[in-house]
C-alpha cells in the first residue's frame, strides 16, 4: 500500500505502480465510492452514446429468426440481446486485464 498526499483542490496522484497494475492512463475514468470511512476507486470504461448505439445496432443485426421453430417473442429476443451485450462486455474486460 502506498501513502498519498492530498493536494490543493483535493487532487491526489496515483502511484505509478498502481496505474501500471490497473493499466490506467491519462484521461481514464475512475468510479469513486465512499462507504463507512473508506474511499474506493474503480476503473470504468465510458462509451460515447452514439458509439454505444452503433454497437447495439451491430448486436441486434446478428439476432435473426431462422425457422422452423416459432419466431421468438420480444422478451426472448431481448434475452438474446442481453446475453450478447454481456459477452461483449466480458470480452472487453478480459482484453483490459492483459
C-alpha atoms as a PDB file:
ATOM      1  CA  UNK A   1       0.000   0.000   0.000  1.00  0.00           C
ATOM      2  CA  UNK A   2       1.249   3.471  -0.858  1.00  0.00           C
ATOM      3  CA  UNK A   3       0.831   6.657   1.117  1.00  0.00           C
ATOM      4  CA  UNK A   4      -0.521   9.517  -0.994  1.00  0.00           C
ATOM      5  CA  UNK A   5      -0.968  13.148  -0.090  1.00  0.00           C
ATOM      6  CA  UNK A   6      -3.975  15.253  -0.995  1.00  0.00           C
ATOM      7  CA  UNK A   7      -3.018  18.493  -2.729  1.00  0.00           C
ATOM      8  CA  UNK A   8      -4.820  21.772  -3.272  1.00  0.00           C
ATOM      9  CA  UNK A   9      -8.299  21.304  -4.702  1.00  0.00           C
ATOM     10  CA  UNK A  10      -8.497  17.709  -3.464  1.00  0.00           C
ATOM     11  CA  UNK A  11      -6.080  16.355  -6.060  1.00  0.00           C
ATOM     12  CA  UNK A  12      -4.231  13.118  -5.403  1.00  0.00           C
ATOM     13  CA  UNK A  13      -1.661  11.351  -7.541  1.00  0.00           C
ATOM     14  CA  UNK A  14      -1.980   7.621  -8.005  1.00  0.00           C
ATOM     15  CA  UNK A  15       1.407   5.933  -7.663  1.00  0.00           C
ATOM     16  CA  UNK A  16       2.949   4.655 -10.886  1.00  0.00           C
ATOM     17  CA  UNK A  17       2.808   1.057  -9.608  1.00  0.00           C
ATOM     18  CA  UNK A  18      -0.971   1.313  -9.108  1.00  0.00           C
ATOM     19  CA  UNK A  19      -1.501   2.904 -12.540  1.00  0.00           C
ATOM     20  CA  UNK A  20       0.611   0.236 -14.189  1.00  0.00           C
ATOM     21  CA  UNK A  21      -1.099  -2.626 -12.329  1.00  0.00           C
ATOM     22  CA  UNK A  22      -4.528  -1.342 -13.414  1.00  0.00           C
ATOM     23  CA  UNK A  23      -3.348  -0.314 -16.899  1.00  0.00           C
ATOM     24  CA  UNK A  24      -4.546   3.242 -16.317  1.00  0.00           C
ATOM     25  CA  UNK A  25      -3.511   6.172 -18.431  1.00  0.00           C
ATOM     26  CA  UNK A  26      -4.260   9.871 -18.589  1.00  0.00           C
ATOM     27  CA  UNK A  27      -7.925  10.535 -19.329  1.00  0.00           C
ATOM     28  CA  UNK A  28      -9.215   7.223 -17.931  1.00  0.00           C
ATOM     29  CA  UNK A  29     -12.241   7.402 -15.653  1.00  0.00           C
ATOM     30  CA  UNK A  30     -12.477   6.063 -12.107  1.00  0.00           C
ATOM     31  CA  UNK A  31     -15.682   5.389 -10.169  1.00  0.00           C
ATOM     32  CA  UNK A  32     -15.364   6.754  -6.623  1.00  0.00           C
ATOM     33  CA  UNK A  33     -17.308   5.169  -3.766  1.00  0.00           C
ATOM     34  CA  UNK A  34     -17.283   6.294  -0.131  1.00  0.00           C
ATOM     35  CA  UNK A  35     -18.581   3.772   2.370  1.00  0.00           C
ATOM     36  CA  UNK A  36     -18.014   3.679   6.097  1.00  0.00           C
ATOM     37  CA  UNK A  37     -14.984   5.948   6.035  1.00  0.00           C
ATOM     38  CA  UNK A  38     -13.377   4.062   3.146  1.00  0.00           C
ATOM     39  CA  UNK A  39     -12.769   5.548  -0.267  1.00  0.00           C
ATOM     40  CA  UNK A  40     -12.634   3.136  -3.213  1.00  0.00           C
ATOM     41  CA  UNK A  41     -11.588   3.975  -6.772  1.00  0.00           C
ATOM     42  CA  UNK A  42     -12.521   1.562  -9.532  1.00  0.00           C
ATOM     43  CA  UNK A  43     -11.580   1.929 -13.218  1.00  0.00           C
ATOM     44  CA  UNK A  44     -14.582   2.226 -15.536  1.00  0.00           C
ATOM     45  CA  UNK A  45     -14.985   2.454 -19.267  1.00  0.00           C
ATOM     46  CA  UNK A  46     -17.096   5.296 -20.587  1.00  0.00           C
ATOM     47  CA  UNK A  47     -18.559   4.812 -24.041  1.00  0.00           C
ATOM     48  CA  UNK A  48     -19.897   7.560 -26.264  1.00  0.00           C
ATOM     49  CA  UNK A  49     -23.680   7.210 -26.593  1.00  0.00           C
ATOM     50  CA  UNK A  50     -23.570   7.277 -30.404  1.00  0.00           C
ATOM     51  CA  UNK A  51     -20.882   4.602 -30.375  1.00  0.00           C
ATOM     52  CA  UNK A  52     -22.955   2.519 -27.960  1.00  0.00           C
ATOM     53  CA  UNK A  53     -25.969   2.845 -30.275  1.00  0.00           C
ATOM     54  CA  UNK A  54     -23.854   1.668 -33.227  1.00  0.00           C
ATOM     55  CA  UNK A  55     -22.604  -1.301 -31.195  1.00  0.00           C
ATOM     56  CA  UNK A  56     -26.150  -2.172 -30.144  1.00  0.00           C
ATOM     57  CA  UNK A  57     -27.335  -1.977 -33.760  1.00  0.00           C
ATOM     58  CA  UNK A  58     -24.467  -4.318 -34.704  1.00  0.00           C
ATOM     59  CA  UNK A  59     -25.508  -6.767 -31.979  1.00  0.00           C
ATOM     60  CA  UNK A  60     -29.167  -6.573 -32.982  1.00  0.00           C
ATOM     61  CA  UNK A  61     -28.244  -7.256 -36.605  1.00  0.00           C
ATOM     62  CA  UNK A  62     -26.853 -10.652 -35.503  1.00  0.00           C
ATOM     63  CA  UNK A  63     -30.170 -11.629 -33.924  1.00  0.00           C
ATOM     64  CA  UNK A  64     -32.160 -13.213 -36.715  1.00  0.00           C
ATOM     65  CA  UNK A  65     -35.023 -15.639 -36.883  1.00  0.00           C
ATOM     66  CA  UNK A  66     -34.197 -18.937 -38.548  1.00  0.00           C
ATOM     67  CA  UNK A  67     -37.127 -21.384 -38.596  1.00  0.00           C
ATOM     68  CA  UNK A  68     -38.752 -23.828 -38.422  1.00  0.00           C
ATOM     69  CA  UNK A  69     -39.290 -23.185 -34.689  1.00  0.00           C
ATOM     70  CA  UNK A  70     -41.803 -20.476 -33.840  1.00  0.00           C
ATOM     71  CA  UNK A  71     -40.393 -16.961 -34.116  1.00  0.00           C
ATOM     72  CA  UNK A  72     -39.089 -15.796 -30.709  1.00  0.00           C
ATOM     73  CA  UNK A  73     -41.125 -13.334 -28.691  1.00  0.00           C
ATOM     74  CA  UNK A  74     -39.854  -9.823 -27.998  1.00  0.00           C
ATOM     75  CA  UNK A  75     -38.869 -10.948 -24.488  1.00  0.00           C
ATOM     76  CA  UNK A  76     -36.856 -13.836 -25.913  1.00  0.00           C
ATOM     77  CA  UNK A  77     -35.156 -11.500 -28.390  1.00  0.00           C
ATOM     78  CA  UNK A  78     -34.299  -9.117 -25.535  1.00  0.00           C
ATOM     79  CA  UNK A  79     -32.818 -12.041 -23.567  1.00  0.00           C
ATOM     80  CA  UNK A  80     -30.626 -12.845 -26.574  1.00  0.00           C
ATOM     81  CA  UNK A  81     -29.584  -9.192 -26.841  1.00  0.00           C
ATOM     82  CA  UNK A  82     -28.723  -9.050 -23.129  1.00  0.00           C
ATOM     83  CA  UNK A  83     -26.612 -12.209 -23.488  1.00  0.00           C
ATOM     84  CA  UNK A  84     -24.761 -10.673 -26.444  1.00  0.00           C
ATOM     85  CA  UNK A  85     -24.126  -7.436 -24.529  1.00  0.00           C
ATOM     86  CA  UNK A  86     -22.739  -9.413 -21.591  1.00  0.00           C
ATOM     87  CA  UNK A  87     -20.460 -11.351 -23.955  1.00  0.00           C
ATOM     88  CA  UNK A  88     -19.134  -8.118 -25.483  1.00  0.00           C
ATOM     89  CA  UNK A  89     -18.561  -6.618 -22.021  1.00  0.00           C
ATOM     90  CA  UNK A  90     -16.787  -9.766 -20.809  1.00  0.00           C
ATOM     91  CA  UNK A  91     -14.566  -9.747 -23.898  1.00  0.00           C
ATOM     92  CA  UNK A  92     -13.741  -6.080 -23.318  1.00  0.00           C
ATOM     93  CA  UNK A  93     -12.982  -6.649 -19.622  1.00  0.00           C
ATOM     94  CA  UNK A  94     -10.774  -9.627 -20.468  1.00  0.00           C
ATOM     95  CA  UNK A  95      -8.790  -7.603 -23.022  1.00  0.00           C
ATOM     96  CA  UNK A  96      -8.292  -4.840 -20.437  1.00  0.00           C
ATOM     97  CA  UNK A  97      -6.643  -7.249 -17.958  1.00  0.00           C
ATOM     98  CA  UNK A  98      -3.993  -8.288 -20.454  1.00  0.00           C
END
